[in-house]
Amino acid sequence: MNEQVYLLEDDESICDLVQCTLDMHSITCRTFTTVKAFSAAVEEHLPDVVLLDIMLADGNGLEVLERLKARFPSLCVIMLSALGKETDKVKGLNAGADDYITKPFGVLELIARVNAALRRIHKTSQLRLGSIVLNNEDMSVIYHGKQLELSNKEYQLLRYFMINEGKVLPRETILYDVWGYDGGETRTLDNHVMRLRKMGLNIITLHGVGYKFIAD
């Protein structure tokens, strides 16, 4: 199975070590040395696991972690950091990290942790709610027994609605969590909601506020 891991790490020697190690175990790894490049890649394709440094040249890994978890709550993120005190680990885990590995680390431990994360992911690869079955592995959605044809953003938006089913979701919050926008034009969101509604999904408009999704 060809898994995909993204590594955000500004030390190129560590990038090379991790990529070589994962490749040897048939796990595809893409490495990024800047937050900007990493964020652009996540917009194009969501990986199975993210390996994330804290002290980055152009940002803070904990802030990146919080943004990732706000938009993709079930995305597995493993911190790789030289900050090895108990308080540092607790801070990272409390911020949403699924695991925390301190530098320097052994390659066997790294592979074991990544494989453990992948096993957990595949046990929970499906999200079921009412008549909807969402498959995280191939981004397919089955609704009332029929497969829906969704774009990447439509899939992410539906997944976000399913995770927050029954909650009142302000437009600005949805835009930030799904698109990464901080305020601004909401027409993009409204058009995506309209498309999902045409497929029969129950998304309620709360005028002047936002939306609420109710599964049938």
N, C-alpha and C. Protein backbone atom coordinates (compact mmCIF):
# COMPACT_ATOMS: atom_id res chain seq x y z
N MET A 1 0.85 -1.19 0.00
CA MET A 1 0.00 0.00 0.00
C MET A 1 0.88 1.23 0.00
N ASN A 2 0.61 2.17 -0.92
CA ASN A 2 1.45 3.34 -1.07
C ASN A 2 0.86 4.51 -0.30
N GLU A 3 1.25 4.64 0.95
CA GLU A 3 0.73 5.71 1.79
C GLU A 3 1.45 7.02 1.45
N GLN A 4 0.86 8.14 1.88
CA GLN A 4 1.52 9.41 1.64
C GLN A 4 1.66 10.19 2.94
N VAL A 5 2.87 10.64 3.17
CA VAL A 5 3.21 11.44 4.35
C VAL A 5 3.78 12.77 3.88
N TYR A 6 3.36 13.86 4.52
CA TYR A 6 3.96 15.16 4.29
C TYR A 6 4.82 15.51 5.50
N LEU A 7 6.03 15.97 5.24
CA LEU A 7 6.93 16.41 6.30
C LEU A 7 7.20 17.90 6.14
N LEU A 8 6.92 18.70 7.17
CA LEU A 8 7.28 20.11 7.20
C LEU A 8 8.44 20.28 8.18
N GLU A 9 9.61 20.52 7.64
CA GLU A 9 10.85 20.56 8.43
C GLU A 9 11.86 21.45 7.69
N ASP A 10 12.42 22.45 8.38
CA ASP A 10 13.33 23.37 7.68
C ASP A 10 14.78 22.89 7.64
N ASP A 11 15.07 21.75 8.25
CA ASP A 11 16.41 21.17 8.20
C ASP A 11 16.44 20.16 7.05
N GLU A 12 17.14 20.49 5.98
CA GLU A 12 17.13 19.63 4.79
C GLU A 12 17.74 18.26 5.04
N SER A 13 18.70 18.17 5.96
CA SER A 13 19.30 16.86 6.25
C SER A 13 18.29 15.93 6.90
N ILE A 14 17.44 16.48 7.76
CA ILE A 14 16.39 15.66 8.38
C ILE A 14 15.35 15.28 7.33
N CYS A 15 15.02 16.22 6.43
CA CYS A 15 14.10 15.91 5.34
C CYS A 15 14.59 14.73 4.53
N ASP A 16 15.87 14.75 4.17
CA ASP A 16 16.45 13.68 3.38
C ASP A 16 16.41 12.35 4.13
N LEU A 17 16.74 12.39 5.42
CA LEU A 17 16.74 11.17 6.23
C LEU A 17 15.35 10.56 6.32
N VAL A 18 14.34 11.40 6.62
CA VAL A 18 12.97 10.91 6.76
C VAL A 18 12.45 10.38 5.44
N GLN A 19 12.67 11.12 4.37
CA GLN A 19 12.18 10.68 3.06
C GLN A 19 12.80 9.36 2.64
N CYS A 20 14.09 9.23 2.83
CA CYS A 20 14.77 7.98 2.47
C CYS A 20 14.25 6.81 3.31
N THR A 21 14.07 7.05 4.60
CA THR A 21 13.60 6.00 5.50
C THR A 21 12.20 5.53 5.13
N LEU A 22 11.30 6.48 4.88
CA LEU A 22 9.92 6.11 4.54
C LEU A 22 9.85 5.44 3.17
N ASP A 23 10.63 5.96 2.22
CA ASP A 23 10.64 5.36 0.88
C ASP A 23 11.06 3.89 0.94
N MET A 24 12.03 3.59 1.81
CA MET A 24 12.51 2.21 1.94
C MET A 24 11.42 1.28 2.46
N HIS A 25 10.40 1.86 3.11
CA HIS A 25 9.30 1.06 3.65
C HIS A 25 8.02 1.27 2.84
N SER A 26 8.20 1.68 1.57
CA SER A 26 7.07 1.83 0.64
C SER A 26 6.03 2.85 1.10
N ILE A 27 6.50 3.87 1.80
CA ILE A 27 5.63 4.96 2.23
C ILE A 27 6.10 6.22 1.52
N THR A 28 5.26 6.75 0.64
CA THR A 28 5.62 7.94 -0.12
C THR A 28 5.65 9.15 0.79
N CYS A 29 6.73 9.92 0.67
CA CYS A 29 6.89 11.09 1.52
C CYS A 29 7.24 12.31 0.68
N ARG A 30 6.52 13.40 0.92
CA ARG A 30 6.86 14.69 0.32
C ARG A 30 7.37 15.60 1.42
N THR A 31 8.48 16.29 1.17
CA THR A 31 9.07 17.15 2.19
C THR A 31 8.94 18.61 1.80
N PHE A 32 8.78 19.46 2.81
CA PHE A 32 8.63 20.89 2.61
C PHE A 32 9.46 21.62 3.66
N THR A 33 10.15 22.66 3.24
CA THR A 33 10.98 23.42 4.18
C THR A 33 10.36 24.76 4.56
N THR A 34 9.22 25.10 3.95
CA THR A 34 8.53 26.35 4.30
C THR A 34 7.05 26.08 4.54
N VAL A 35 6.46 26.88 5.40
CA VAL A 35 5.02 26.77 5.69
C VAL A 35 4.22 27.06 4.43
N LYS A 36 4.66 28.04 3.65
CA LYS A 36 3.95 28.43 2.44
C LYS A 36 3.83 27.27 1.46
N ALA A 37 4.94 26.60 1.19
CA ALA A 37 4.93 25.48 0.24
C ALA A 37 4.09 24.32 0.78
N PHE A 38 4.22 24.05 2.06
CA PHE A 38 3.44 22.98 2.70
C PHE A 38 1.94 23.27 2.60
N SER A 39 1.55 24.49 2.94
CA SER A 39 0.13 24.86 2.93
C SER A 39 -0.46 24.75 1.54
N ALA A 40 0.32 25.15 0.52
CA ALA A 40 -0.16 25.05 -0.86
C ALA A 40 -0.37 23.60 -1.25
N ALA A 41 0.52 22.71 -0.82
CA ALA A 41 0.40 21.29 -1.14
C ALA A 41 -0.83 20.66 -0.47
N VAL A 42 -1.10 21.06 0.77
CA VAL A 42 -2.27 20.54 1.49
C VAL A 42 -3.56 20.93 0.78
N GLU A 43 -3.58 22.14 0.19
CA GLU A 43 -4.77 22.58 -0.54
C GLU A 43 -5.02 21.70 -1.76
N GLU A 44 -3.95 21.20 -2.35
CA GLU A 44 -4.09 20.37 -3.55
C GLU A 44 -4.44 18.92 -3.20
N HIS A 45 -3.84 18.42 -2.13
CA HIS A 45 -4.07 17.02 -1.76
C HIS A 45 -3.81 16.83 -0.27
N LEU A 46 -4.75 16.19 0.40
CA LEU A 46 -4.60 15.94 1.83
C LEU A 46 -3.86 14.62 2.05
N PRO A 47 -2.74 14.65 2.78
CA PRO A 47 -1.97 13.42 3.00
C PRO A 47 -2.63 12.52 4.04
N ASP A 48 -2.07 11.33 4.21
CA ASP A 48 -2.54 10.44 5.27
C ASP A 48 -2.03 10.89 6.64
N VAL A 49 -0.76 11.28 6.68
CA VAL A 49 -0.11 11.68 7.94
C VAL A 49 0.77 12.90 7.67
N VAL A 50 0.81 13.80 8.65
CA VAL A 50 1.71 14.95 8.59
C VAL A 50 2.74 14.82 9.71
N LEU A 51 4.02 14.96 9.34
CA LEU A 51 5.10 15.06 10.32
C LEU A 51 5.48 16.53 10.38
N LEU A 52 5.49 17.09 11.58
CA LEU A 52 5.56 18.55 11.70
C LEU A 52 6.57 18.99 12.76
N ASP A 53 7.53 19.80 12.32
CA ASP A 53 8.48 20.42 13.25
C ASP A 53 7.80 21.61 13.93
N ILE A 54 8.31 22.02 15.08
CA ILE A 54 7.75 23.18 15.78
C ILE A 54 8.50 24.45 15.43
N MET A 55 9.81 24.42 15.55
CA MET A 55 10.62 25.62 15.31
C MET A 55 10.98 25.69 13.83
N LEU A 56 10.22 26.49 13.09
CA LEU A 56 10.40 26.60 11.64
C LEU A 56 10.95 27.99 11.28
N ALA A 57 11.62 28.04 10.15
CA ALA A 57 12.24 29.30 9.74
C ALA A 57 11.21 30.38 9.44
N ASP A 58 10.03 29.98 8.92
CA ASP A 58 9.04 30.99 8.53
C ASP A 58 7.72 30.83 9.27
N GLY A 59 7.76 30.20 10.43
CA GLY A 59 6.52 30.07 11.19
C GLY A 59 6.68 29.19 12.41
N ASN A 60 5.56 28.99 13.11
CA ASN A 60 5.54 28.18 14.32
C ASN A 60 4.72 26.92 14.04
N GLY A 61 5.32 25.76 14.28
CA GLY A 61 4.64 24.51 13.99
C GLY A 61 3.36 24.30 14.77
N LEU A 62 3.29 24.83 15.98
CA LEU A 62 2.07 24.68 16.78
C LEU A 62 0.92 25.47 16.15
N GLU A 63 1.23 26.62 15.57
CA GLU A 63 0.19 27.39 14.89
C GLU A 63 -0.27 26.66 13.63
N VAL A 64 0.67 26.05 12.91
CA VAL A 64 0.31 25.24 11.74
C VAL A 64 -0.59 24.08 12.18
N LEU A 65 -0.22 23.44 13.28
CA LEU A 65 -1.01 22.32 13.82
C LEU A 65 -2.43 22.75 14.12
N GLU A 66 -2.60 23.87 14.77
CA GLU A 66 -3.94 24.33 15.15
C GLU A 66 -4.78 24.63 13.91
N ARG A 67 -4.17 25.20 12.89
CA ARG A 67 -4.91 25.49 11.65
C ARG A 67 -5.31 24.20 10.96
N LEU A 68 -4.40 23.22 10.93
CA LEU A 68 -4.72 21.94 10.30
C LEU A 68 -5.87 21.24 11.00
N LYS A 69 -5.82 21.21 12.32
CA LYS A 69 -6.84 20.50 13.08
C LYS A 69 -8.19 21.21 13.02
N ALA A 70 -8.17 22.54 12.86
CA ALA A 70 -9.43 23.27 12.74
C ALA A 70 -10.13 22.92 11.43
N ARG A 71 -9.35 22.73 10.37
CA ARG A 71 -9.92 22.43 9.06
C ARG A 71 -10.12 20.94 8.83
N PHE A 72 -9.19 20.13 9.35
CA PHE A 72 -9.23 18.68 9.12
C PHE A 72 -9.06 17.97 10.46
N PRO A 73 -10.10 17.91 11.27
CA PRO A 73 -9.98 17.37 12.63
C PRO A 73 -9.43 15.96 12.72
N SER A 74 -9.70 15.12 11.72
CA SER A 74 -9.24 13.73 11.81
C SER A 74 -7.88 13.50 11.15
N LEU A 75 -7.27 14.55 10.60
CA LEU A 75 -5.95 14.42 9.99
C LEU A 75 -4.93 14.06 11.07
N CYS A 76 -4.14 13.03 10.82
CA CYS A 76 -3.15 12.59 11.81
C CYS A 76 -1.89 13.44 11.69
N VAL A 77 -1.49 14.08 12.80
CA VAL A 77 -0.31 14.93 12.83
C VAL A 77 0.63 14.44 13.93
N ILE A 78 1.87 14.17 13.54
CA ILE A 78 2.90 13.75 14.49
C ILE A 78 3.95 14.84 14.56
N MET A 79 4.20 15.35 15.75
CA MET A 79 5.21 16.40 15.93
C MET A 79 6.60 15.77 15.96
N LEU A 80 7.55 16.41 15.27
CA LEU A 80 8.97 16.05 15.35
C LEU A 80 9.70 17.28 15.85
N SER A 81 10.18 17.25 17.08
CA SER A 81 10.73 18.47 17.65
C SER A 81 11.91 18.21 18.56
N ALA A 82 12.83 19.18 18.59
CA ALA A 82 13.96 19.13 19.52
C ALA A 82 13.53 19.55 20.91
N LEU A 83 12.31 20.09 21.03
CA LEU A 83 11.78 20.49 22.34
C LEU A 83 11.27 19.23 23.03
N GLY A 84 12.08 18.72 23.95
CA GLY A 84 11.79 17.41 24.52
C GLY A 84 11.33 17.38 25.95
N LYS A 85 11.09 18.55 26.55
CA LYS A 85 10.61 18.56 27.93
C LYS A 85 9.17 18.06 27.99
N GLU A 86 8.80 17.56 29.16
CA GLU A 86 7.43 17.06 29.32
C GLU A 86 6.41 18.15 29.03
N THR A 87 6.71 19.38 29.46
CA THR A 87 5.77 20.49 29.22
C THR A 87 5.62 20.77 27.72
N ASP A 88 6.71 20.60 26.96
CA ASP A 88 6.64 20.81 25.51
C ASP A 88 5.75 19.75 24.86
N LYS A 89 5.92 18.51 25.29
CA LYS A 89 5.11 17.42 24.73
C LYS A 89 3.64 17.62 25.07
N VAL A 90 3.36 17.98 26.31
CA VAL A 90 1.98 18.20 26.73
C VAL A 90 1.36 19.34 25.92
N LYS A 91 2.13 20.39 25.69
CA LYS A 91 1.62 21.53 24.91
C LYS A 91 1.26 21.11 23.50
N GLY A 92 2.14 20.31 22.89
CA GLY A 92 1.87 19.84 21.53
C GLY A 92 0.67 18.92 21.47
N LEU A 93 0.57 17.99 22.40
CA LEU A 93 -0.56 17.06 22.42
C LEU A 93 -1.87 17.78 22.72
N ASN A 94 -1.83 18.75 23.62
CA ASN A 94 -3.03 19.52 23.93
C ASN A 94 -3.47 20.39 22.76
N ALA A 95 -2.52 20.75 21.91
CA ALA A 95 -2.85 21.56 20.73
C ALA A 95 -3.46 20.72 19.62
N GLY A 96 -3.46 19.40 19.81
CA GLY A 96 -4.12 18.53 18.83
C GLY A 96 -3.25 17.49 18.18
N ALA A 97 -1.94 17.46 18.51
CA ALA A 97 -1.06 16.46 17.91
C ALA A 97 -1.50 15.05 18.31
N ASP A 98 -1.38 14.11 17.38
CA ASP A 98 -1.74 12.73 17.66
C ASP A 98 -0.57 11.96 18.28
N ASP A 99 0.63 12.46 18.07
CA ASP A 99 1.82 11.83 18.64
C ASP A 99 2.93 12.87 18.67
N TYR A 100 4.00 12.57 19.42
CA TYR A 100 5.09 13.55 19.60
C TYR A 100 6.40 12.76 19.69
N ILE A 101 7.30 13.04 18.74
CA ILE A 101 8.60 12.38 18.71
C ILE A 101 9.69 13.43 18.90
N THR A 102 10.60 13.20 19.82
CA THR A 102 11.64 14.17 20.08
C THR A 102 12.90 13.86 19.26
N LYS A 103 13.59 14.92 18.87
CA LYS A 103 14.88 14.80 18.16
C LYS A 103 16.01 14.75 19.19
N PRO A 104 17.07 14.02 18.89
CA PRO A 104 17.22 13.11 17.75
C PRO A 104 16.38 11.85 17.95
N PHE A 105 15.90 11.28 16.88
CA PHE A 105 15.05 10.10 16.96
C PHE A 105 15.67 8.97 16.15
N GLY A 106 15.31 7.75 16.49
CA GLY A 106 15.77 6.58 15.73
C GLY A 106 14.83 6.32 14.57
N VAL A 107 15.39 5.89 13.45
CA VAL A 107 14.56 5.66 12.27
C VAL A 107 13.57 4.51 12.48
N LEU A 108 13.94 3.53 13.27
CA LEU A 108 13.03 2.42 13.54
C LEU A 108 11.82 2.90 14.35
N GLU A 109 12.08 3.78 15.31
CA GLU A 109 10.97 4.34 16.08
C GLU A 109 10.06 5.16 15.18
N LEU A 110 10.65 5.96 14.30
CA LEU A 110 9.85 6.78 13.39
C LEU A 110 8.93 5.91 12.54
N ILE A 111 9.49 4.86 11.93
CA ILE A 111 8.68 3.97 11.09
C ILE A 111 7.57 3.32 11.92
N ALA A 112 7.89 2.90 13.13
CA ALA A 112 6.90 2.25 14.00
C ALA A 112 5.75 3.21 14.32
N ARG A 113 6.10 4.47 14.61
CA ARG A 113 5.06 5.46 14.94
C ARG A 113 4.19 5.78 13.72
N VAL A 114 4.81 5.93 12.56
CA VAL A 114 4.05 6.23 11.35
C VAL A 114 3.14 5.05 10.99
N ASN A 115 3.67 3.84 11.06
CA ASN A 115 2.85 2.67 10.75
C ASN A 115 1.68 2.52 11.72
N ALA A 116 1.93 2.82 13.00
CA ALA A 116 0.85 2.76 14.00
C ALA A 116 -0.24 3.78 13.65
N ALA A 117 0.18 4.97 13.23
CA ALA A 117 -0.78 6.00 12.84
C ALA A 117 -1.60 5.56 11.63
N LEU A 118 -0.93 4.96 10.66
CA LEU A 118 -1.64 4.50 9.45
C LEU A 118 -2.63 3.39 9.78
N ARG A 119 -2.27 2.51 10.72
CA ARG A 119 -3.23 1.46 11.12
C ARG A 119 -4.47 2.07 11.75
N ARG A 120 -4.28 3.08 12.58
CA ARG A 120 -5.43 3.75 13.22
C ARG A 120 -6.30 4.42 12.16
N ILE A 121 -5.66 5.03 11.17
CA ILE A 121 -6.41 5.73 10.13
C ILE A 121 -7.30 4.76 9.36
N HIS A 122 -6.74 3.61 8.98
CA HIS A 122 -7.50 2.68 8.15
C HIS A 122 -8.62 1.99 8.93
N LYS A 123 -8.51 1.95 10.25
CA LYS A 123 -9.60 1.41 11.05
C LYS A 123 -10.78 2.38 11.09
N THR A 124 -10.49 3.67 10.87
CA THR A 124 -11.54 4.69 10.93
C THR A 124 -11.60 5.44 9.60
N SER A 125 -11.41 4.69 8.51
CA SER A 125 -11.33 5.35 7.20
C SER A 125 -12.69 5.81 6.70
N GLN A 126 -13.78 5.30 7.29
CA GLN A 126 -15.11 5.70 6.85
C GLN A 126 -15.80 6.55 7.91
N LEU A 127 -16.51 7.55 7.42
CA LEU A 127 -17.34 8.38 8.29
C LEU A 127 -18.78 8.16 7.86
N ARG A 128 -19.60 7.64 8.78
CA ARG A 128 -20.99 7.34 8.47
C ARG A 128 -21.91 8.24 9.28
N LEU A 129 -22.91 8.79 8.60
CA LEU A 129 -23.88 9.64 9.27
C LEU A 129 -25.19 9.55 8.48
N GLY A 130 -26.24 9.00 9.13
CA GLY A 130 -27.51 8.83 8.43
C GLY A 130 -27.33 7.96 7.19
N SER A 131 -27.72 8.50 6.04
CA SER A 131 -27.63 7.76 4.78
C SER A 131 -26.35 8.06 4.02
N ILE A 132 -25.40 8.75 4.68
CA ILE A 132 -24.16 9.16 4.01
C ILE A 132 -23.00 8.30 4.49
N VAL A 133 -22.21 7.81 3.55
CA VAL A 133 -20.98 7.09 3.87
C VAL A 133 -19.85 7.81 3.15
N LEU A 134 -18.93 8.37 3.92
CA LEU A 134 -17.80 9.12 3.36
C LEU A 134 -16.53 8.32 3.59
N ASN A 135 -15.80 8.05 2.52
CA ASN A 135 -14.58 7.25 2.58
C ASN A 135 -13.36 8.15 2.46
N ASN A 136 -12.57 8.23 3.54
CA ASN A 136 -11.42 9.13 3.57
C ASN A 136 -10.28 8.67 2.66
N GLU A 137 -10.22 7.39 2.34
CA GLU A 137 -9.10 6.88 1.55
C GLU A 137 -9.14 7.35 0.11
N ASP A 138 -10.31 7.26 -0.53
CA ASP A 138 -10.40 7.65 -1.93
C ASP A 138 -11.30 8.87 -2.14
N MET A 139 -11.73 9.51 -1.04
CA MET A 139 -12.56 10.71 -1.07
C MET A 139 -13.87 10.47 -1.83
N SER A 140 -14.42 9.26 -1.69
CA SER A 140 -15.71 8.96 -2.31
C SER A 140 -16.82 9.12 -1.29
N VAL A 141 -18.02 9.43 -1.79
CA VAL A 141 -19.18 9.63 -0.93
C VAL A 141 -20.35 8.85 -1.50
N ILE A 142 -20.96 8.01 -0.66
CA ILE A 142 -22.16 7.27 -1.04
C ILE A 142 -23.34 7.87 -0.28
N TYR A 143 -24.40 8.24 -1.01
CA TYR A 143 -25.59 8.83 -0.39
C TYR A 143 -26.82 8.08 -0.89
N HIS A 144 -27.55 7.45 0.04
CA HIS A 144 -28.70 6.61 -0.31
C HIS A 144 -28.31 5.56 -1.35
N GLY A 145 -27.11 4.99 -1.18
CA GLY A 145 -26.67 3.91 -2.05
C GLY A 145 -26.07 4.33 -3.37
N LYS A 146 -26.05 5.63 -3.66
CA LYS A 146 -25.49 6.11 -4.91
C LYS A 146 -24.26 6.98 -4.65
N GLN A 147 -23.26 6.86 -5.54
CA GLN A 147 -22.03 7.64 -5.36
C GLN A 147 -22.23 9.06 -5.88
N LEU A 148 -21.81 10.03 -5.06
CA LEU A 148 -21.88 11.43 -5.46
C LEU A 148 -20.58 11.83 -6.15
N GLU A 149 -20.69 12.67 -7.17
CA GLU A 149 -19.52 13.20 -7.86
C GLU A 149 -19.21 14.57 -7.26
N LEU A 150 -18.19 14.62 -6.41
CA LEU A 150 -17.86 15.85 -5.70
C LEU A 150 -16.46 16.34 -6.07
N SER A 151 -16.32 17.66 -6.11
CA SER A 151 -14.99 18.24 -6.25
C SER A 151 -14.27 18.11 -4.90
N ASN A 152 -12.98 18.43 -4.90
CA ASN A 152 -12.21 18.35 -3.66
C ASN A 152 -12.80 19.22 -2.56
N LYS A 153 -13.18 20.46 -2.90
CA LYS A 153 -13.73 21.38 -1.90
C LYS A 153 -15.13 20.97 -1.47
N GLU A 154 -15.92 20.43 -2.39
CA GLU A 154 -17.25 19.95 -2.01
C GLU A 154 -17.12 18.79 -1.03
N TYR A 155 -16.16 17.93 -1.28
CA TYR A 155 -15.91 16.81 -0.36
C TYR A 155 -15.51 17.34 1.02
N GLN A 156 -14.56 18.28 1.05
CA GLN A 156 -14.10 18.83 2.32
C GLN A 156 -15.23 19.53 3.07
N LEU A 157 -16.07 20.25 2.32
CA LEU A 157 -17.19 20.96 2.95
C LEU A 157 -18.21 19.98 3.52
N LEU A 158 -18.55 18.94 2.76
CA LEU A 158 -19.49 17.94 3.26
C LEU A 158 -18.93 17.25 4.50
N ARG A 159 -17.67 16.92 4.46
CA ARG A 159 -17.03 16.27 5.61
C ARG A 159 -17.09 17.18 6.83
N TYR A 160 -16.84 18.45 6.61
CA TYR A 160 -16.90 19.44 7.70
C TYR A 160 -18.32 19.52 8.27
N PHE A 161 -19.32 19.54 7.39
CA PHE A 161 -20.71 19.57 7.85
C PHE A 161 -21.05 18.30 8.64
N MET A 162 -20.58 17.15 8.16
CA MET A 162 -20.89 15.90 8.85
C MET A 162 -20.27 15.87 10.25
N ILE A 163 -19.03 16.32 10.37
CA ILE A 163 -18.37 16.35 11.68
C ILE A 163 -19.09 17.29 12.63
N ASN A 164 -19.68 18.36 12.08
CA ASN A 164 -20.35 19.37 12.90
C ASN A 164 -21.86 19.32 12.75
N GLU A 165 -22.39 18.14 12.48
CA GLU A 165 -23.82 17.96 12.22
C GLU A 165 -24.67 18.52 13.37
N GLY A 166 -25.67 19.32 13.00
CA GLY A 166 -26.58 19.90 13.98
C GLY A 166 -26.12 21.20 14.60
N LYS A 167 -24.90 21.62 14.32
CA LYS A 167 -24.36 22.86 14.90
C LYS A 167 -24.65 24.05 13.98
N VAL A 168 -24.85 25.21 14.59
CA VAL A 168 -24.97 26.45 13.82
C VAL A 168 -23.55 26.89 13.45
N LEU A 169 -23.28 27.00 12.15
CA LEU A 169 -21.94 27.30 11.67
C LEU A 169 -21.95 28.63 10.92
N PRO A 170 -21.38 29.68 11.50
CA PRO A 170 -21.30 30.97 10.81
C PRO A 170 -20.52 30.87 9.51
N ARG A 171 -20.91 31.66 8.52
CA ARG A 171 -20.21 31.64 7.23
C ARG A 171 -18.72 31.87 7.39
N GLU A 172 -18.35 32.86 8.21
CA GLU A 172 -16.93 33.19 8.37
C GLU A 172 -16.15 32.02 8.95
N THR A 173 -16.76 31.28 9.86
CA THR A 173 -16.09 30.13 10.47
C THR A 173 -15.87 29.03 9.44
N ILE A 174 -16.89 28.78 8.62
CA ILE A 174 -16.75 27.74 7.58
C ILE A 174 -15.66 28.13 6.59
N LEU A 175 -15.66 29.38 6.15
CA LEU A 175 -14.66 29.84 5.19
C LEU A 175 -13.25 29.67 5.75
N TYR A 176 -13.09 29.99 7.02
CA TYR A 176 -11.76 29.88 7.63
C TYR A 176 -11.34 28.42 7.78
N ASP A 177 -12.26 27.59 8.25
CA ASP A 177 -11.93 26.19 8.53
C ASP A 177 -11.76 25.34 7.27
N VAL A 178 -12.53 25.64 6.23
CA VAL A 178 -12.49 24.81 5.02
C VAL A 178 -11.60 25.43 3.93
N TRP A 179 -11.70 26.76 3.78
CA TRP A 179 -10.93 27.41 2.72
C TRP A 179 -9.67 28.13 3.24
N GLY A 180 -9.64 28.38 4.55
CA GLY A 180 -8.50 29.11 5.08
C GLY A 180 -8.64 30.61 4.95
N TYR A 181 -9.86 31.09 4.57
CA TYR A 181 -10.08 32.52 4.43
C TYR A 181 -10.35 33.14 5.79
N ASP A 182 -9.87 34.34 5.99
CA ASP A 182 -10.16 35.08 7.22
C ASP A 182 -11.10 36.22 6.87
N GLY A 183 -12.40 35.91 6.79
CA GLY A 183 -13.37 36.91 6.38
C GLY A 183 -13.42 37.01 4.86
N GLY A 184 -14.12 38.03 4.35
CA GLY A 184 -14.14 38.27 2.91
C GLY A 184 -15.38 37.70 2.24
N GLU A 185 -15.27 37.50 0.93
CA GLU A 185 -16.39 37.08 0.09
C GLU A 185 -16.91 35.69 0.46
N THR A 186 -18.26 35.59 0.59
CA THR A 186 -18.86 34.31 0.96
C THR A 186 -19.56 33.64 -0.21
N ARG A 187 -19.51 34.23 -1.41
CA ARG A 187 -20.21 33.66 -2.56
C ARG A 187 -19.69 32.27 -2.90
N THR A 188 -18.39 32.07 -2.74
CA THR A 188 -17.81 30.74 -3.01
C THR A 188 -18.47 29.69 -2.15
N LEU A 189 -18.61 29.97 -0.86
CA LEU A 189 -19.26 29.03 0.06
C LEU A 189 -20.70 28.79 -0.36
N ASP A 190 -21.44 29.85 -0.65
CA ASP A 190 -22.85 29.72 -1.01
C ASP A 190 -23.03 28.86 -2.25
N ASN A 191 -22.14 29.02 -3.23
CA ASN A 191 -22.22 28.22 -4.46
C ASN A 191 -21.98 26.74 -4.18
N HIS A 192 -21.03 26.44 -3.28
CA HIS A 192 -20.75 25.05 -2.93
C HIS A 192 -21.93 24.44 -2.17
N VAL A 193 -22.54 25.22 -1.28
CA VAL A 193 -23.71 24.74 -0.55
C VAL A 193 -24.85 24.45 -1.51
N MET A 194 -25.06 25.33 -2.48
CA MET A 194 -26.12 25.14 -3.47
C MET A 194 -25.91 23.83 -4.23
N ARG A 195 -24.66 23.55 -4.58
CA ARG A 195 -24.34 22.32 -5.31
C ARG A 195 -24.67 21.09 -4.46
N LEU A 196 -24.30 21.12 -3.16
CA LEU A 196 -24.59 19.99 -2.28
C LEU A 196 -26.09 19.82 -2.09
N ARG A 197 -26.81 20.92 -2.01
CA ARG A 197 -28.27 20.84 -1.86
C ARG A 197 -28.91 20.18 -3.08
N LYS A 198 -28.39 20.45 -4.26
CA LYS A 198 -28.95 19.86 -5.48
C LYS A 198 -28.81 18.34 -5.46
N MET A 199 -27.88 17.84 -4.66
CA MET A 199 -27.68 16.40 -4.53
C MET A 199 -28.61 15.81 -3.47
N GLY A 200 -29.40 16.67 -2.83
CA GLY A 200 -30.37 16.19 -1.85
C GLY A 200 -29.96 16.34 -0.40
N LEU A 201 -28.79 16.92 -0.14
CA LEU A 201 -28.32 17.06 1.23
C LEU A 201 -29.04 18.20 1.94
N ASN A 202 -29.35 17.99 3.21
CA ASN A 202 -30.17 18.92 3.98
C ASN A 202 -29.30 19.95 4.70
N ILE A 203 -29.07 21.08 4.03
CA ILE A 203 -28.28 22.17 4.60
C ILE A 203 -29.20 23.36 4.78
N ILE A 204 -29.42 23.74 6.02
CA ILE A 204 -30.37 24.80 6.35
C ILE A 204 -29.66 26.15 6.39
N THR A 205 -30.26 27.15 5.72
CA THR A 205 -29.72 28.51 5.77
C THR A 205 -30.26 29.24 6.98
N LEU A 206 -29.39 29.81 7.75
CA LEU A 206 -29.77 30.66 8.89
C LEU A 206 -29.41 32.09 8.48
N HIS A 207 -30.41 32.83 8.02
CA HIS A 207 -30.17 34.14 7.42
C HIS A 207 -29.44 35.08 8.37
N GLY A 208 -28.39 35.69 7.84
CA GLY A 208 -27.59 36.61 8.63
C GLY A 208 -26.58 35.93 9.51
N VAL A 209 -26.58 34.59 9.52
CA VAL A 209 -25.66 33.84 10.39
C VAL A 209 -24.80 32.89 9.58
N GLY A 210 -25.42 31.85 9.04
CA GLY A 210 -24.65 30.84 8.32
C GLY A 210 -25.49 29.65 7.95
N TYR A 211 -25.00 28.45 8.26
CA TYR A 211 -25.68 27.21 7.87
C TYR A 211 -25.70 26.21 9.00
N LYS A 212 -26.65 25.26 8.88
CA LYS A 212 -26.70 24.11 9.78
C LYS A 212 -27.01 22.88 8.94
N PHE A 213 -26.24 21.82 9.14
CA PHE A 213 -26.41 20.58 8.38
C PHE A 213 -27.14 19.56 9.24
N ILE A 214 -28.17 18.94 8.65
CA ILE A 214 -28.94 17.90 9.33
C ILE A 214 -28.92 16.65 8.47
N ALA A 215 -28.40 15.56 9.01
CA ALA A 215 -28.37 14.30 8.25
C ALA A 215 -29.72 13.64 8.30
N ASP A 216 -30.07 12.94 7.19
CA ASP A 216 -31.35 12.24 7.18
C ASP A 216 -31.13 10.75 7.45
